[in-house]
């Protein structure tokens, strides 16, 4: 399924509204003046309020489990608007809210 490429300026949240940012970007490809992100880059999550029965269990990091099937950069699949990630330690997803709308991929 085609989707827009994910870039540094994209708005990505954990399922509990914590802000997620990539730890590494790929500066070889730029969209909307910002570098894209590949599947290898873990995301750090800040401000996650999640707790279980009063015990805090916030999202800390997230790893992408799906990405583009036909587009790579530096040998790694690029992330798309429909890519899926899993947060640790609680296994909830990341949600891509906004990304650039000029470049699509599969």
Protein backbone atom coordinates (compact mmCIF):
# COMPACT_ATOMS: atom_id res chain seq x y z
CA UNK A 1 0.00 0.00 0.00
CA UNK A 2 1.56 3.36 -0.94
CA UNK A 3 2.03 6.04 1.69
CA UNK A 4 3.86 9.27 2.36
CA UNK A 5 7.49 8.99 3.51
CA UNK A 6 8.13 9.70 7.18
CA UNK A 7 10.58 12.53 7.93
CA UNK A 8 12.12 14.19 10.98
CA UNK A 9 9.38 16.81 11.23
CA UNK A 10 6.53 14.28 11.31
CA UNK A 11 4.21 14.25 14.31
CA UNK A 12 4.35 10.79 15.88
CA UNK A 13 2.67 9.91 19.18
CA UNK A 14 2.45 6.80 21.33
CA UNK A 15 -1.05 5.44 21.93
CA UNK A 16 -1.20 7.51 25.13
CA UNK A 17 -0.22 10.84 23.48
CA UNK A 18 3.49 10.83 24.39
CA UNK A 19 5.70 12.58 21.80
CA UNK A 20 7.93 10.24 19.77
CA UNK A 21 11.10 11.32 17.92
CA UNK A 22 13.64 9.29 15.90
CA UNK A 23 17.05 8.68 17.45
CA UNK A 24 18.70 8.64 14.00
CA UNK A 25 17.70 10.14 10.65
CA UNK A 26 18.95 9.45 7.14
CA UNK A 27 20.46 12.68 5.74
CA UNK A 28 21.03 11.20 2.26
CA UNK A 29 17.35 11.70 1.39
CA UNK A 30 15.54 14.94 2.20
CA UNK A 31 11.82 15.69 1.87
CA UNK A 32 10.32 19.07 2.72
CA UNK A 33 13.83 20.13 3.71
CA UNK A 34 14.18 17.46 6.39
CA UNK A 35 15.85 14.03 6.46
CA UNK A 36 13.76 10.86 6.20
CA UNK A 37 13.71 8.01 8.71
CA UNK A 38 14.44 4.32 8.05
CA UNK A 39 13.16 1.20 9.79
CA UNK A 40 16.46 0.76 11.67
CA UNK A 41 15.96 3.97 13.67
CA UNK A 42 14.37 3.41 17.08
CA UNK A 43 12.15 6.18 18.41
CA UNK A 44 12.34 7.72 21.89
CA UNK A 45 9.03 8.56 23.59
CA UNK A 46 8.67 11.46 26.04
CA UNK A 47 5.70 12.42 28.18
CA UNK A 48 3.76 9.15 28.08
CA UNK A 49 1.29 9.11 31.01
CA UNK A 50 0.36 5.39 30.77
CA UNK A 51 -0.07 3.45 34.00
CA UNK A 52 -1.59 0.11 34.98
CA UNK A 53 -3.67 0.08 38.18
CA UNK A 54 -1.77 3.09 39.52
CA UNK A 55 1.69 1.71 38.63
CA UNK A 56 3.45 3.81 35.97
CA UNK A 57 4.34 1.90 32.80
CA UNK A 58 5.06 4.64 30.24
CA UNK A 59 6.22 4.09 26.69
CA UNK A 60 9.99 4.69 26.59
CA UNK A 61 11.18 3.56 23.15
CA UNK A 62 9.60 2.12 20.02
CA UNK A 63 10.89 -0.10 17.23
CA UNK A 64 9.36 -0.23 13.75
CA UNK A 65 8.13 -3.65 12.63
CA UNK A 66 6.92 -2.71 9.12
CA UNK A 67 8.19 -0.30 6.49
CA UNK A 68 8.34 0.21 2.72
CA UNK A 69 8.73 -2.95 0.66
CA UNK A 70 10.15 -1.32 -2.47
CA UNK A 71 12.12 1.72 -1.30
CA UNK A 72 15.37 1.64 0.65
CA UNK A 73 17.99 4.17 1.61
CA UNK A 74 21.47 3.03 2.66
CA UNK A 75 20.14 -0.52 2.41
CA UNK A 76 17.33 -0.03 4.94
CA UNK A 77 13.58 0.22 4.18
CA UNK A 78 12.19 3.74 4.60
CA UNK A 79 9.25 4.44 6.90
CA UNK A 80 5.86 5.29 5.45
CA UNK A 81 2.67 6.81 6.87
CA UNK A 82 1.24 3.27 7.34
CA UNK A 83 4.37 1.78 8.99
CA UNK A 84 3.79 0.01 12.32
CA UNK A 85 5.84 0.27 15.52
CA UNK A 86 5.72 -1.35 18.95
CA UNK A 87 6.56 0.55 22.15
CA UNK A 88 8.53 -0.90 25.03
CA UNK A 89 7.93 -1.85 27.76
CA UNK A 90 4.14 -2.08 27.25
CA UNK A 91 3.71 -3.22 23.59
CA UNK A 92 1.39 -0.43 22.46
CA UNK A 93 1.67 1.16 18.98
CA UNK A 94 3.00 4.47 17.71
CA UNK A 95 0.54 6.58 15.76
CA UNK A 96 1.70 8.77 12.87
CA UNK A 97 -0.45 11.90 12.97
CA UNK A 98 1.12 14.23 10.37
CA UNK A 99 3.91 13.88 7.83
CA UNK A 100 4.95 15.57 4.60
CA UNK A 101 2.60 15.12 1.63
CA UNK A 102 4.91 15.48 -1.38
CA UNK A 103 6.69 12.12 -1.65
CA UNK A 104 5.01 8.71 -1.61
CA UNK A 105 6.45 5.22 -1.64
CA UNK A 106 5.54 1.54 -1.43
